[in-house]
Protein backbone atom coordinates (compact mmCIF):
# COMPACT_ATOMS: atom_id res chain seq x y z
CA MET A 1 46.96 166.69 -59.25
CA GLY A 2 45.35 168.14 -56.10
CA THR A 3 43.73 165.55 -53.86
CA ARG A 4 43.90 161.87 -54.79
CA LYS A 5 41.06 159.38 -54.54
CA ASP A 6 42.52 158.15 -51.24
CA GLY A 7 42.33 161.68 -49.82
CA LEU A 8 46.05 162.48 -49.92
CA GLU A 9 46.94 166.02 -50.99
CA VAL A 10 49.95 165.91 -53.28
CA ASP A 11 50.31 169.31 -54.97
CA HIS A 12 53.17 170.26 -52.64
CA ILE A 13 55.25 167.15 -53.37
CA PRO A 14 57.80 167.62 -56.18
CA PHE A 15 57.64 164.04 -57.50
CA PRO A 16 54.88 161.43 -57.95
CA MET A 17 53.74 159.40 -54.95
CA PRO A 18 53.10 155.67 -55.42
CA GLU A 19 49.69 154.82 -56.80
CA THR A 20 49.46 151.76 -54.55
CA ARG A 21 47.90 151.86 -51.09
CA TRP A 22 50.14 153.05 -48.27
CA ILE A 23 50.94 150.49 -45.58
CA LEU A 24 51.79 152.39 -42.37
CA ARG A 25 50.29 155.36 -40.57
CA GLN A 26 52.15 157.37 -37.92
CA ASN A 27 52.39 160.88 -36.50
CA TRP A 28 55.62 162.79 -35.94
CA LYS A 29 55.07 165.17 -33.02
CA LYS A 30 56.98 167.64 -30.79
CA LEU A 31 59.96 167.95 -33.10
CA THR A 32 63.15 169.93 -32.64
CA PHE A 33 65.44 170.17 -35.67
CA LEU A 34 69.13 170.70 -34.86
CA HIS A 35 71.36 171.19 -37.90
CA TRP A 36 75.03 171.65 -38.64
CA LYS A 37 77.04 172.14 -41.82
CA VAL A 38 79.50 169.26 -42.12
CA ASP A 39 82.47 168.23 -44.20
CA PRO A 40 81.05 166.38 -47.24
CA ALA A 41 84.03 164.01 -47.33
CA LEU A 42 83.52 162.97 -43.70
CA LEU A 43 79.78 162.55 -44.23
CA ARG A 44 80.32 160.60 -47.44
CA ALA A 45 82.02 157.86 -45.41
CA HIS A 46 78.68 157.10 -43.71
CA LEU A 47 76.71 156.70 -46.95
CA PRO A 48 76.34 153.77 -49.34
CA ASP A 49 78.27 154.17 -52.57
CA ASP A 50 75.11 154.33 -54.68
CA LEU A 51 73.76 157.45 -52.94
CA GLU A 52 74.72 161.01 -53.83
CA LEU A 53 74.90 163.72 -51.19
CA ASP A 54 72.33 166.45 -51.75
CA LEU A 55 73.97 169.84 -51.17
CA PHE A 56 72.48 173.26 -50.54
CA GLU A 57 74.56 175.99 -52.17
CA GLY A 58 77.53 173.64 -52.03
CA ASP A 59 77.16 172.72 -48.36
CA ALA A 60 76.31 169.36 -46.76
CA TYR A 61 74.08 169.21 -43.70
CA VAL A 62 73.37 166.76 -40.92
CA GLY A 63 70.35 166.97 -38.65
CA CYS A 64 69.69 165.61 -35.17
CA ILE A 65 65.96 165.44 -34.46
CA PRO A 66 64.39 164.50 -31.11
CA PHE A 67 60.63 163.93 -31.36
CA VAL A 68 57.70 161.71 -30.47
CA MET A 69 56.73 158.90 -32.84
CA GLU A 70 53.00 158.65 -32.18
CA ASP A 71 50.41 155.97 -32.97
CA VAL A 72 52.51 153.89 -35.37
CA ARG A 73 50.28 151.22 -36.87
CA PRO A 74 49.62 149.33 -40.11
CA SER A 75 46.76 150.38 -42.37
CA GLY A 76 43.43 149.32 -40.88
CA VAL A 77 44.91 148.40 -37.49
CA PRO A 78 44.40 150.50 -34.32
CA ALA A 79 47.31 151.87 -32.34
CA VAL A 80 48.44 149.73 -29.39
CA PRO A 81 48.91 151.57 -26.06
CA GLY A 82 52.46 151.28 -24.76
CA ILE A 83 53.82 150.10 -28.12
CA SER A 84 52.69 152.49 -30.87
CA THR A 85 53.96 155.73 -29.28
CA PHE A 86 57.57 156.32 -28.20
CA GLY A 87 60.42 158.82 -28.22
CA GLU A 88 62.81 158.79 -31.15
CA PHE A 89 66.09 160.67 -31.68
CA ASN A 90 67.55 160.33 -35.15
CA ILE A 91 70.53 161.64 -37.07
CA ARG A 92 69.86 162.18 -40.75
CA THR A 93 71.43 163.69 -43.80
CA TYR A 94 70.19 164.71 -47.23
CA VAL A 95 70.69 162.65 -50.34
CA VAL A 96 69.43 162.24 -53.89
CA LYS A 97 69.14 159.32 -56.29
CA ASN A 98 67.80 159.40 -59.85
CA GLY A 99 66.69 162.98 -59.27
CA VAL A 100 64.54 162.10 -56.25
CA PRO A 101 65.67 163.86 -53.04
CA GLY A 102 65.32 162.10 -49.72
CA VAL A 103 66.90 161.45 -46.35
CA PHE A 104 69.35 158.84 -45.12
CA PHE A 105 69.54 157.98 -41.43
CA LEU A 106 72.85 157.42 -39.71
CA THR A 107 70.93 156.24 -36.65
CA LEU A 108 67.42 156.12 -35.25
CA ASP A 109 67.52 155.79 -31.47
CA ALA A 110 64.10 154.86 -30.12
CA LYS A 111 62.34 153.71 -26.98
CA SER A 112 60.66 150.77 -28.70
CA ARG A 113 62.15 147.30 -28.76
CA VAL A 114 59.50 146.18 -31.25
CA THR A 115 60.43 148.93 -33.70
CA CYS A 116 64.16 148.39 -33.23
CA LEU A 117 63.77 144.72 -34.09
CA TYR A 118 61.16 144.88 -36.83
CA ALA A 119 62.23 148.04 -38.70
CA ASN A 120 65.85 146.91 -38.85
CA TRP A 121 64.90 143.49 -40.15
CA ARG A 122 62.10 144.53 -42.50
CA TYR A 123 63.36 147.84 -43.86
CA GLY A 124 67.08 148.04 -43.18
CA LEU A 125 66.64 151.06 -40.92
CA THR A 126 69.39 151.53 -38.34
CA TYR A 127 67.26 151.58 -35.18
CA ARG A 128 68.97 151.29 -31.79
CA TYR A 129 67.19 150.96 -28.47
CA ALA A 130 67.52 153.97 -26.18
CA LYS A 131 65.60 155.50 -23.29
CA CYS A 132 64.16 158.50 -25.16
CA SER A 133 61.83 161.13 -23.76
CA VAL A 134 60.33 164.29 -25.26
CA LYS A 135 58.00 166.41 -23.11
CA GLY A 136 56.45 169.85 -23.10
CA GLU A 137 54.18 171.95 -25.27
CA PHE A 138 55.07 173.91 -28.39
CA SER A 139 54.35 177.37 -26.96
CA GLU A 140 56.49 176.80 -23.86
CA GLY A 141 59.15 174.57 -25.41
CA TYR A 142 60.22 170.94 -25.45
CA ARG A 143 62.55 169.06 -23.11
CA TRP A 144 64.33 166.03 -24.50
CA SER A 145 66.67 163.37 -23.17
CA SER A 146 68.01 160.11 -24.56
CA VAL A 147 70.58 157.54 -23.53
CA ARG A 148 71.41 154.51 -25.63
CA LYS A 149 71.28 151.31 -23.61
CA LYS A 150 74.27 149.62 -25.24
CA ASP A 151 76.94 152.33 -25.00
CA GLY A 152 75.46 155.27 -23.07
CA VAL A 153 75.50 157.64 -26.06
CA GLY A 154 72.86 160.30 -25.60
CA LEU A 155 71.38 163.75 -26.09
CA ASN A 156 69.98 166.04 -23.40
CA GLY A 157 68.56 169.50 -23.79
CA SER A 158 65.58 171.73 -24.43
CA SER A 159 64.22 174.04 -27.08
CA LYS A 160 61.79 176.95 -27.23
CA PRO A 161 60.30 178.93 -30.11
CA THR A 162 61.63 182.36 -31.08
CA SER A 163 59.44 183.25 -34.07
CA GLU A 164 55.98 182.85 -35.55
CA VAL A 165 55.25 179.65 -37.44
CA ARG A 166 55.61 179.62 -41.20
CA GLN A 167 56.06 177.33 -44.20
CA ALA A 168 59.23 177.16 -46.27
CA ASN A 169 59.49 178.74 -49.70
CA PRO A 170 61.22 176.84 -52.52
CA GLY A 171 64.88 177.75 -52.82
CA THR A 172 65.38 178.38 -49.10
CA LEU A 173 67.50 176.33 -46.72
CA GLU A 174 64.38 175.38 -44.73
CA TYR A 175 62.70 174.02 -47.83
CA PHE A 176 65.82 171.95 -48.56
CA LEU A 177 65.89 170.56 -45.00
CA PHE A 178 62.17 169.95 -44.39
CA GLU A 179 60.38 169.23 -47.65
CA ARG A 180 61.57 165.66 -48.06
CA TYR A 181 59.10 162.95 -48.95
CA SER A 182 61.28 159.89 -49.40
CA LEU A 183 64.02 157.94 -47.66
CA TYR A 184 66.80 155.57 -48.61
CA THR A 185 68.11 152.53 -46.74
CA VAL A 186 70.41 149.58 -47.34
CA ARG A 187 68.89 146.14 -46.75
CA LYS A 188 70.76 142.91 -47.41
CA GLY A 189 73.43 144.88 -49.23
CA LYS A 190 70.92 146.46 -51.62
CA LEU A 191 69.88 150.11 -51.81
CA HIS A 192 66.15 150.55 -51.12
CA HIS A 193 63.85 153.54 -51.51
CA GLY A 194 60.54 154.40 -49.87
CA TYR A 195 58.02 157.25 -49.91
CA THR A 196 56.51 159.22 -47.04
CA HIS A 197 53.49 161.49 -47.32
CA HIS A 198 52.47 164.36 -45.08
CA LEU A 199 51.29 167.91 -45.51
CA LYS A 200 53.82 170.69 -45.85
CA TRP A 201 55.65 171.50 -42.61
CA TRP A 202 54.66 174.37 -40.33
CA TYR A 203 57.73 175.30 -38.27
CA CYS A 204 59.36 178.17 -36.40
CA ASP A 205 62.85 179.35 -35.53
CA ALA A 206 63.99 178.25 -32.09
CA GLU A 207 66.79 178.33 -29.57
CA ALA A 208 68.19 175.32 -27.75
CA SER A 209 70.12 174.60 -24.59
CA ILE A 210 72.10 171.34 -24.85
CA SER A 211 73.95 169.86 -21.90
CA GLU A 212 75.11 166.71 -23.70
CA ASN A 213 75.26 165.56 -27.30
CA SER A 214 77.43 162.47 -27.47
CA LEU A 215 74.89 161.21 -30.01
CA VAL A 216 76.25 163.55 -32.68
CA GLU A 217 79.78 163.47 -31.27
CA SER A 218 79.91 159.70 -31.78
CA TYR A 219 80.09 160.26 -35.55
CA ASN A 220 83.19 161.73 -37.13
CA LEU A 221 81.57 164.63 -38.95
CA GLY A 222 84.01 167.45 -38.18
CA ILE A 223 81.54 169.29 -35.91
CA SER A 224 83.55 171.43 -33.48
CA ASP A 225 80.76 171.87 -30.91
CA ALA A 226 77.85 169.44 -30.93
CA THR A 227 76.09 171.43 -28.19
CA THR A 228 75.76 174.50 -30.42
CA PRO A 229 73.73 173.80 -33.58
CA GLU A 230 74.03 176.28 -36.41
CA PHE A 231 70.32 176.11 -37.22
CA ILE A 232 67.45 175.31 -34.83
CA HIS A 233 63.76 174.91 -35.63
CA MET A 234 60.68 173.48 -33.95
CA SER A 235 57.40 172.04 -35.17
CA LYS A 236 54.22 170.69 -33.60
CA GLY A 237 54.44 167.91 -36.18
CA VAL A 238 52.73 166.19 -39.09
CA ASN A 239 50.59 163.11 -39.70
CA VAL A 240 52.32 160.63 -41.98
CA VAL A 241 51.65 157.60 -44.16
CA THR A 242 54.39 155.47 -45.70
CA TRP A 243 54.81 152.80 -48.37
CA HIS A 244 56.98 149.68 -48.63
CA MET A 245 60.72 150.14 -49.04
CA LEU A 246 61.57 148.71 -52.46
CA PRO A 247 64.95 147.81 -54.01
CA LEU A 248 66.22 150.22 -56.64
CA GLU A 249 66.95 148.81 -60.05
CA GLY A 250 70.61 148.97 -60.98
CA ALA A 251 71.76 149.76 -57.44
CA SER A 252 74.20 147.44 -55.77
């Protein structure tokens, strides 16, 4: 299909994007991807019944991703200084429904009260307010820290690149983890699905030094050491547009 009339390139996306106009624009910047293999049965307890875990070679994965959410704004509306850009630290896993792979968030900790209120109410996303900070440059590495206001749960550490940047090939673990263009949520007891569009990820291998990770430890996922991820990657980021989250037919 190449490039659509609205300018979106879609050849790299393995399923059709909505034909309707997207509603939100945002940039995901200064990302560190921390991943662990986890016990599928323990992870299953955190998912809605209607969602199926997506496995890679029989293994389930959970990711903890500190990054900067930049210039979040509706279509046709300029970004608002002090509101549209903030740190976000999320925990996500990989799921599939009706053959469409996506992500499901266990939590999205963010330094934005507006987002925490609106996204939870409007989309069923599990945002929690936290003092989140991500600093640094890609070539020298990122420093990240977060502490949740309500219970003190947090993540503190840093990352630096250890390889050249590349894009993932189909069939690899990196392709499974990164090339996701949809997400699932539960809103008012109903499973919802939404689409996200961005260009294919450029990323590199990385190493991380983590002094605290009670964010991951707060979930019972069978991870023996939350300060030592099994897989670590970094990316400068992508520019993103998203569509409405819509209820799935037949899902409870």
